[in-house]
Amino acid sequence: MAQINWDQPFHVDPATLQPAASGVPLPTYGNFGGAGYSQGVFIANPDLTQFDPVPVDALDQEFLFHDQASALAGTTAEQAAADAALIRGIEVVNQGRLDAQASLYAGGATLAMIEQLAAADSLELLSQGELAQASGNALENIGTGFRG
């Protein structure tokens, strides 16, 4: 199933690796995957009660959960907790059930969230085992995505 939205990119500043108005374009995923992308559109403050459109698959559901947690996050620590939860959620849905595009995007999203945790000095939210497993699975997912 083709759920990567190549024609709806968000941008990342290559110097800071943070979402930006311009920079390196990265595609969005489904209806909820990508910086600033929620409910199938780019939106600054997503409506937490809005579920239309619905997530396209289990990975997109994890992105919806992350959008909801991010919208409620009032501190850097709360945002870091939301990012760690997304990593854990991707690990759960990963379990070999992702098609090539979902696998590719899941790998990239996991590495992006690990980078966000590192930037927030919050890597301790993941155990060393979780961090190693998530990193390894992310690289494997990216390879699976490219092969598919």
N, C-alpha and C. Protein backbone atom coordinates (compact mmCIF):
# COMPACT_ATOMS: atom_id res chain seq x y z
N MET A 1 0.84 -1.17 0.00
CA MET A 1 0.00 0.00 0.00
C MET A 1 0.89 1.25 0.00
N ALA A 2 0.59 2.19 -0.84
CA ALA A 2 1.40 3.40 -0.96
C ALA A 2 0.85 4.48 -0.05
N GLN A 3 1.48 4.64 1.12
CA GLN A 3 1.00 5.63 2.08
C GLN A 3 1.96 6.80 2.27
N ILE A 4 3.14 6.72 1.65
CA ILE A 4 4.05 7.86 1.72
C ILE A 4 3.54 8.92 0.75
N ASN A 5 3.38 10.13 1.25
CA ASN A 5 2.90 11.25 0.43
C ASN A 5 4.11 12.03 -0.10
N TRP A 6 4.64 11.54 -1.20
CA TRP A 6 5.83 12.18 -1.77
C TRP A 6 5.55 13.59 -2.24
N ASP A 7 4.30 13.88 -2.58
CA ASP A 7 3.92 15.20 -3.09
C ASP A 7 3.48 16.17 -1.99
N GLN A 8 3.57 15.78 -0.73
CA GLN A 8 3.22 16.65 0.39
C GLN A 8 4.36 16.67 1.41
N PRO A 9 5.49 17.26 1.04
CA PRO A 9 6.64 17.22 1.96
C PRO A 9 6.58 18.30 3.04
N PHE A 10 7.24 18.01 4.14
CA PHE A 10 7.58 19.03 5.13
C PHE A 10 9.07 19.28 4.96
N HIS A 11 9.61 20.30 5.58
CA HIS A 11 11.02 20.64 5.39
C HIS A 11 11.77 20.61 6.72
N VAL A 12 13.04 20.25 6.63
CA VAL A 12 13.92 20.18 7.79
C VAL A 12 15.17 20.99 7.49
N ASP A 13 15.54 21.83 8.44
CA ASP A 13 16.77 22.61 8.32
C ASP A 13 17.95 21.65 8.46
N PRO A 14 18.82 21.55 7.45
CA PRO A 14 19.92 20.57 7.52
C PRO A 14 20.94 20.89 8.61
N ALA A 15 21.02 22.12 9.05
CA ALA A 15 21.98 22.48 10.10
C ALA A 15 21.48 22.09 11.48
N THR A 16 20.18 22.22 11.72
CA THR A 16 19.64 21.97 13.06
C THR A 16 18.82 20.67 13.13
N LEU A 17 18.46 20.11 11.98
CA LEU A 17 17.60 18.93 11.88
C LEU A 17 16.22 19.17 12.49
N GLN A 18 15.82 20.42 12.54
CA GLN A 18 14.51 20.80 13.07
C GLN A 18 13.58 21.16 11.90
N PRO A 19 12.27 20.96 12.08
CA PRO A 19 11.32 21.39 11.05
C PRO A 19 11.50 22.87 10.75
N ALA A 20 11.37 23.24 9.48
CA ALA A 20 11.60 24.62 9.06
C ALA A 20 10.71 24.94 7.86
N ALA A 21 10.63 26.23 7.55
CA ALA A 21 9.83 26.67 6.40
C ALA A 21 10.45 26.23 5.08
N SER A 22 11.77 26.07 5.08
CA SER A 22 12.45 25.59 3.88
C SER A 22 13.62 24.72 4.33
N GLY A 23 14.22 24.05 3.40
CA GLY A 23 15.32 23.15 3.73
C GLY A 23 15.16 21.86 2.97
N VAL A 24 15.56 20.76 3.55
CA VAL A 24 15.48 19.45 2.92
C VAL A 24 14.02 18.98 2.97
N PRO A 25 13.42 18.71 1.80
CA PRO A 25 12.04 18.22 1.81
C PRO A 25 11.98 16.74 2.17
N LEU A 26 11.07 16.40 3.07
CA LEU A 26 10.84 15.01 3.46
C LEU A 26 9.35 14.74 3.30
N PRO A 27 8.98 13.56 2.81
CA PRO A 27 7.56 13.29 2.58
C PRO A 27 6.79 13.08 3.88
N THR A 28 5.49 13.26 3.80
CA THR A 28 4.60 12.94 4.91
C THR A 28 4.10 11.51 4.73
N TYR A 29 3.36 11.03 5.71
CA TYR A 29 2.87 9.65 5.67
C TYR A 29 1.41 9.61 6.10
N GLY A 30 0.59 8.94 5.33
CA GLY A 30 -0.81 8.75 5.68
C GLY A 30 -1.49 10.08 5.95
N ASN A 31 -2.20 10.15 7.07
CA ASN A 31 -2.90 11.37 7.45
C ASN A 31 -2.28 12.07 8.65
N PHE A 32 -1.27 11.44 9.28
CA PHE A 32 -0.74 12.01 10.52
C PHE A 32 0.78 11.99 10.63
N GLY A 33 1.51 11.47 9.67
CA GLY A 33 2.95 11.34 9.78
C GLY A 33 3.70 12.49 9.14
N GLY A 34 4.51 13.18 9.92
CA GLY A 34 5.34 14.27 9.41
C GLY A 34 5.20 15.51 10.27
N ALA A 35 6.27 16.26 10.37
CA ALA A 35 6.28 17.46 11.20
C ALA A 35 5.24 18.47 10.71
N GLY A 36 4.34 18.86 11.60
CA GLY A 36 3.33 19.85 11.25
C GLY A 36 2.20 19.31 10.40
N TYR A 37 2.19 17.99 10.15
CA TYR A 37 1.19 17.37 9.28
C TYR A 37 0.25 16.53 10.13
N SER A 38 -1.02 16.89 10.14
CA SER A 38 -2.00 16.16 10.92
C SER A 38 -3.35 16.27 10.24
N GLN A 39 -4.14 15.22 10.32
CA GLN A 39 -5.46 15.21 9.73
C GLN A 39 -5.42 15.39 8.21
N GLY A 40 -4.31 14.97 7.60
CA GLY A 40 -4.17 15.04 6.15
C GLY A 40 -3.80 16.41 5.61
N VAL A 41 -3.47 17.35 6.50
CA VAL A 41 -3.09 18.70 6.07
C VAL A 41 -1.98 19.23 7.00
N PHE A 42 -1.34 20.29 6.57
CA PHE A 42 -0.37 20.96 7.44
C PHE A 42 -1.16 21.89 8.35
N ILE A 43 -1.01 21.70 9.65
CA ILE A 43 -1.79 22.44 10.62
C ILE A 43 -0.94 22.67 11.87
N ALA A 44 -0.99 23.90 12.39
CA ALA A 44 -0.18 24.23 13.56
C ALA A 44 -0.75 23.64 14.84
N ASN A 45 -2.05 23.68 15.00
CA ASN A 45 -2.69 23.20 16.23
C ASN A 45 -3.80 22.22 15.88
N PRO A 46 -3.47 20.93 15.78
CA PRO A 46 -4.51 19.96 15.41
C PRO A 46 -5.60 19.86 16.48
N ASP A 47 -6.81 19.63 16.02
CA ASP A 47 -7.96 19.44 16.90
C ASP A 47 -7.91 18.03 17.46
N LEU A 48 -7.72 17.91 18.76
CA LEU A 48 -7.57 16.60 19.39
C LEU A 48 -8.83 15.75 19.30
N THR A 49 -9.94 16.36 19.02
CA THR A 49 -11.19 15.60 18.93
C THR A 49 -11.49 15.19 17.49
N GLN A 50 -10.69 15.65 16.55
CA GLN A 50 -10.94 15.39 15.13
C GLN A 50 -10.27 14.09 14.69
N PHE A 51 -11.04 13.16 14.24
CA PHE A 51 -10.49 11.90 13.76
C PHE A 51 -10.87 11.66 12.31
N ASP A 52 -11.24 12.70 11.59
CA ASP A 52 -11.60 12.57 10.19
C ASP A 52 -10.63 13.44 9.42
N PRO A 53 -9.77 12.90 8.64
CA PRO A 53 -9.73 11.51 8.22
C PRO A 53 -9.15 10.60 9.30
N VAL A 54 -9.42 9.34 9.16
CA VAL A 54 -8.91 8.35 10.10
C VAL A 54 -7.51 7.92 9.69
N PRO A 55 -6.74 7.33 10.61
CA PRO A 55 -5.42 6.81 10.24
C PRO A 55 -5.55 5.73 9.15
N VAL A 56 -4.57 5.69 8.25
CA VAL A 56 -4.63 4.76 7.12
C VAL A 56 -4.15 3.36 7.50
N ASP A 57 -3.39 3.24 8.59
CA ASP A 57 -2.89 1.93 9.03
C ASP A 57 -2.37 2.07 10.47
N ALA A 58 -1.80 0.99 10.98
CA ALA A 58 -1.33 0.99 12.37
C ALA A 58 -0.19 1.99 12.60
N LEU A 59 0.69 2.17 11.61
CA LEU A 59 1.77 3.14 11.76
C LEU A 59 1.19 4.55 11.83
N ASP A 60 0.25 4.86 10.96
CA ASP A 60 -0.38 6.18 10.97
C ASP A 60 -1.12 6.41 12.28
N GLN A 61 -1.68 5.35 12.86
CA GLN A 61 -2.34 5.46 14.17
C GLN A 61 -1.34 5.91 15.23
N GLU A 62 -0.13 5.39 15.17
CA GLU A 62 0.91 5.82 16.12
C GLU A 62 1.25 7.30 15.91
N PHE A 63 1.24 7.74 14.66
CA PHE A 63 1.50 9.16 14.40
C PHE A 63 0.36 10.02 14.95
N LEU A 64 -0.88 9.53 14.86
CA LEU A 64 -2.01 10.24 15.46
C LEU A 64 -1.81 10.35 16.97
N PHE A 65 -1.46 9.25 17.63
CA PHE A 65 -1.22 9.29 19.08
C PHE A 65 -0.14 10.32 19.41
N HIS A 66 0.92 10.36 18.58
CA HIS A 66 2.00 11.32 18.80
C HIS A 66 1.50 12.75 18.62
N ASP A 67 0.68 12.98 17.60
CA ASP A 67 0.11 14.32 17.39
C ASP A 67 -0.70 14.74 18.61
N GLN A 68 -1.50 13.83 19.15
CA GLN A 68 -2.32 14.14 20.31
C GLN A 68 -1.45 14.46 21.53
N ALA A 69 -0.44 13.64 21.78
CA ALA A 69 0.45 13.87 22.91
C ALA A 69 1.24 15.16 22.73
N SER A 70 1.67 15.44 21.51
CA SER A 70 2.43 16.66 21.24
C SER A 70 1.57 17.90 21.45
N ALA A 71 0.30 17.82 21.06
CA ALA A 71 -0.60 18.96 21.23
C ALA A 71 -0.83 19.26 22.72
N LEU A 72 -0.77 18.23 23.54
CA LEU A 72 -0.96 18.41 24.98
C LEU A 72 0.32 18.77 25.72
N ALA A 73 1.46 18.56 25.08
CA ALA A 73 2.76 18.80 25.73
C ALA A 73 2.97 20.29 25.96
N GLY A 74 3.19 20.63 27.21
CA GLY A 74 3.43 22.03 27.55
C GLY A 74 4.88 22.32 27.88
N THR A 75 5.68 21.26 27.96
CA THR A 75 7.09 21.43 28.32
C THR A 75 7.95 20.58 27.39
N THR A 76 9.23 20.85 27.40
CA THR A 76 10.17 20.05 26.62
C THR A 76 10.16 18.60 27.10
N ALA A 77 10.04 18.41 28.40
CA ALA A 77 10.01 17.05 28.97
C ALA A 77 8.77 16.29 28.50
N GLU A 78 7.63 16.97 28.43
CA GLU A 78 6.41 16.31 27.96
C GLU A 78 6.51 15.96 26.48
N GLN A 79 7.13 16.84 25.69
CA GLN A 79 7.32 16.54 24.28
C GLN A 79 8.28 15.37 24.11
N ALA A 80 9.33 15.34 24.90
CA ALA A 80 10.27 14.22 24.85
C ALA A 80 9.57 12.91 25.20
N ALA A 81 8.69 12.94 26.18
CA ALA A 81 7.93 11.74 26.54
C ALA A 81 7.06 11.30 25.38
N ALA A 82 6.45 12.24 24.66
CA ALA A 82 5.64 11.90 23.48
C ALA A 82 6.51 11.28 22.39
N ASP A 83 7.71 11.81 22.21
CA ASP A 83 8.63 11.27 21.20
C ASP A 83 9.07 9.85 21.56
N ALA A 84 9.37 9.63 22.84
CA ALA A 84 9.76 8.29 23.28
C ALA A 84 8.60 7.30 23.11
N ALA A 85 7.39 7.77 23.38
CA ALA A 85 6.22 6.91 23.20
C ALA A 85 6.03 6.55 21.73
N LEU A 86 6.32 7.48 20.83
CA LEU A 86 6.21 7.16 19.40
C LEU A 86 7.22 6.09 19.01
N ILE A 87 8.43 6.20 19.51
CA ILE A 87 9.44 5.17 19.22
C ILE A 87 8.93 3.81 19.69
N ARG A 88 8.42 3.76 20.90
CA ARG A 88 7.90 2.49 21.44
C ARG A 88 6.71 1.99 20.62
N GLY A 89 5.85 2.89 20.20
CA GLY A 89 4.70 2.50 19.39
C GLY A 89 5.11 1.94 18.04
N ILE A 90 6.10 2.56 17.42
CA ILE A 90 6.61 2.05 16.14
C ILE A 90 7.21 0.67 16.33
N GLU A 91 7.90 0.46 17.44
CA GLU A 91 8.47 -0.86 17.72
C GLU A 91 7.37 -1.92 17.80
N VAL A 92 6.24 -1.58 18.40
CA VAL A 92 5.13 -2.53 18.54
C VAL A 92 4.53 -2.86 17.17
N VAL A 93 4.25 -1.84 16.36
CA VAL A 93 3.63 -2.12 15.06
C VAL A 93 4.61 -2.71 14.06
N ASN A 94 5.89 -2.51 14.31
CA ASN A 94 6.91 -3.01 13.39
C ASN A 94 6.83 -4.52 13.24
N GLN A 95 7.05 -5.26 14.24
CA GLN A 95 6.95 -6.71 14.32
C GLN A 95 6.77 -7.44 12.99
N GLY A 96 7.40 -6.94 11.93
CA GLY A 96 7.35 -7.62 10.64
C GLY A 96 6.06 -7.45 9.87
N ARG A 97 5.18 -6.57 10.32
CA ARG A 97 3.89 -6.42 9.67
C ARG A 97 3.81 -5.20 8.77
N LEU A 98 4.89 -4.53 8.54
CA LEU A 98 4.86 -3.32 7.74
C LEU A 98 5.23 -3.61 6.30
N ASP A 99 4.51 -2.98 5.36
CA ASP A 99 4.89 -3.13 3.96
C ASP A 99 6.15 -2.27 3.72
N ALA A 100 6.66 -2.30 2.51
CA ALA A 100 7.94 -1.64 2.22
C ALA A 100 7.89 -0.14 2.51
N GLN A 101 6.82 0.56 2.08
CA GLN A 101 6.76 2.00 2.31
C GLN A 101 6.61 2.32 3.80
N ALA A 102 5.77 1.58 4.49
CA ALA A 102 5.59 1.81 5.93
C ALA A 102 6.90 1.52 6.66
N SER A 103 7.60 0.49 6.24
CA SER A 103 8.87 0.13 6.85
C SER A 103 9.89 1.25 6.67
N LEU A 104 10.00 1.77 5.46
CA LEU A 104 10.92 2.86 5.17
C LEU A 104 10.60 4.07 6.05
N TYR A 105 9.33 4.44 6.10
CA TYR A 105 8.95 5.62 6.86
C TYR A 105 9.13 5.40 8.36
N ALA A 106 8.79 4.21 8.83
CA ALA A 106 8.95 3.89 10.25
C ALA A 106 10.42 4.01 10.66
N GLY A 107 11.32 3.52 9.82
CA GLY A 107 12.74 3.62 10.13
C GLY A 107 13.20 5.06 10.22
N GLY A 108 12.80 5.87 9.25
CA GLY A 108 13.17 7.29 9.27
C GLY A 108 12.58 8.02 10.46
N ALA A 109 11.32 7.73 10.77
CA ALA A 109 10.65 8.39 11.90
C ALA A 109 11.32 8.01 13.22
N THR A 110 11.70 6.75 13.36
CA THR A 110 12.38 6.33 14.58
C THR A 110 13.69 7.07 14.77
N LEU A 111 14.49 7.15 13.71
CA LEU A 111 15.76 7.87 13.82
C LEU A 111 15.53 9.35 14.10
N ALA A 112 14.50 9.93 13.51
CA ALA A 112 14.18 11.35 13.76
C ALA A 112 13.80 11.57 15.22
N MET A 113 13.02 10.66 15.78
CA MET A 113 12.61 10.80 17.18
C MET A 113 13.80 10.59 18.13
N ILE A 114 14.70 9.67 17.77
CA ILE A 114 15.91 9.50 18.58
C ILE A 114 16.73 10.78 18.56
N GLU A 115 16.82 11.40 17.39
CA GLU A 115 17.55 12.67 17.28
C GLU A 115 16.88 13.75 18.13
N GLN A 116 15.55 13.79 18.12
CA GLN A 116 14.82 14.78 18.93
C GLN A 116 15.08 14.56 20.42
N LEU A 117 15.09 13.29 20.83
CA LEU A 117 15.40 13.00 22.24
C LEU A 117 16.82 13.44 22.59
N ALA A 118 17.76 13.19 21.68
CA ALA A 118 19.14 13.61 21.93
C ALA A 118 19.23 15.13 22.01
N ALA A 119 18.55 15.83 21.11
CA ALA A 119 18.58 17.30 21.12
C ALA A 119 17.97 17.87 22.40
N ALA A 120 16.98 17.16 22.96
CA ALA A 120 16.34 17.60 24.20
C ALA A 120 17.06 17.06 25.43
N ASP A 121 18.21 16.40 25.22
CA ASP A 121 18.96 15.78 26.31
C ASP A 121 18.07 14.84 27.13
N SER A 122 17.28 14.02 26.39
CA SER A 122 16.31 13.14 27.03
C SER A 122 16.43 11.69 26.59
N LEU A 123 17.59 11.29 26.12
CA LEU A 123 17.76 9.89 25.71
C LEU A 123 17.55 8.91 26.85
N GLU A 124 17.66 9.39 28.10
CA GLU A 124 17.45 8.51 29.24
C GLU A 124 16.01 8.01 29.34
N LEU A 125 15.10 8.58 28.56
CA LEU A 125 13.73 8.09 28.55
C LEU A 125 13.62 6.69 27.93
N LEU A 126 14.65 6.31 27.18
CA LEU A 126 14.75 4.96 26.63
C LEU A 126 15.88 4.24 27.35
N SER A 127 15.66 2.98 27.69
CA SER A 127 16.76 2.21 28.27
C SER A 127 17.81 1.99 27.18
N GLN A 128 19.00 1.60 27.57
CA GLN A 128 20.05 1.33 26.58
C GLN A 128 19.60 0.22 25.63
N GLY A 129 18.90 -0.78 26.15
CA GLY A 129 18.40 -1.87 25.32
C GLY A 129 17.36 -1.38 24.33
N GLU A 130 16.44 -0.53 24.80
CA GLU A 130 15.42 0.02 23.89
C GLU A 130 16.06 0.85 22.79
N LEU A 131 17.03 1.67 23.18
CA LEU A 131 17.70 2.53 22.21
C LEU A 131 18.44 1.71 21.17
N ALA A 132 19.16 0.70 21.61
CA ALA A 132 19.89 -0.16 20.67
C ALA A 132 18.94 -0.91 19.75
N GLN A 133 17.87 -1.46 20.30
CA GLN A 133 16.92 -2.22 19.49
C GLN A 133 16.20 -1.30 18.50
N ALA A 134 15.75 -0.14 18.96
CA ALA A 134 15.04 0.78 18.08
C ALA A 134 15.95 1.27 16.96
N SER A 135 17.20 1.57 17.28
CA SER A 135 18.15 2.03 16.26
C SER A 135 18.41 0.94 15.23
N GLY A 136 18.66 -0.26 15.71
CA GLY A 136 18.89 -1.38 14.79
C GLY A 136 17.68 -1.68 13.93
N ASN A 137 16.51 -1.68 14.54
CA ASN A 137 15.29 -1.93 13.77
C ASN A 137 15.04 -0.83 12.75
N ALA A 138 15.36 0.41 13.12
CA ALA A 138 15.17 1.53 12.19
C ALA A 138 16.03 1.34 10.94
N LEU A 139 17.29 0.98 11.14
CA LEU A 139 18.17 0.76 9.99
C LEU A 139 17.70 -0.42 9.16
N GLU A 140 17.25 -1.47 9.82
CA GLU A 140 16.72 -2.63 9.10
C GLU A 140 15.46 -2.25 8.32
N ASN A 141 14.59 -1.44 8.93
CA ASN A 141 13.37 -1.00 8.25
C ASN A 141 13.68 -0.17 7.02
N ILE A 142 14.66 0.70 7.13
CA ILE A 142 15.04 1.53 5.97
C ILE A 142 15.54 0.63 4.85
N GLY A 143 16.38 -0.35 5.19
CA GLY A 143 16.85 -1.28 4.17
C GLY A 143 15.72 -2.07 3.54
N THR A 144 14.78 -2.54 4.37
CA THR A 144 13.62 -3.26 3.85
C THR A 144 12.81 -2.37 2.91
N GLY A 145 12.65 -1.13 3.30
CA GLY A 145 11.90 -0.18 2.46
C GLY A 145 12.57 0.02 1.11
N PHE A 146 13.88 0.21 1.12
CA PHE A 146 14.60 0.40 -0.15
C PHE A 146 14.54 -0.85 -1.02
N ARG A 147 14.64 -2.01 -0.40
CA ARG A 147 14.57 -3.25 -1.19
C ARG A 147 13.18 -3.47 -1.77
N GLY A 148 12.16 -2.98 -1.05
CA GLY A 148 10.78 -3.17 -1.51
C GLY A 148 10.39 -2.16 -2.56
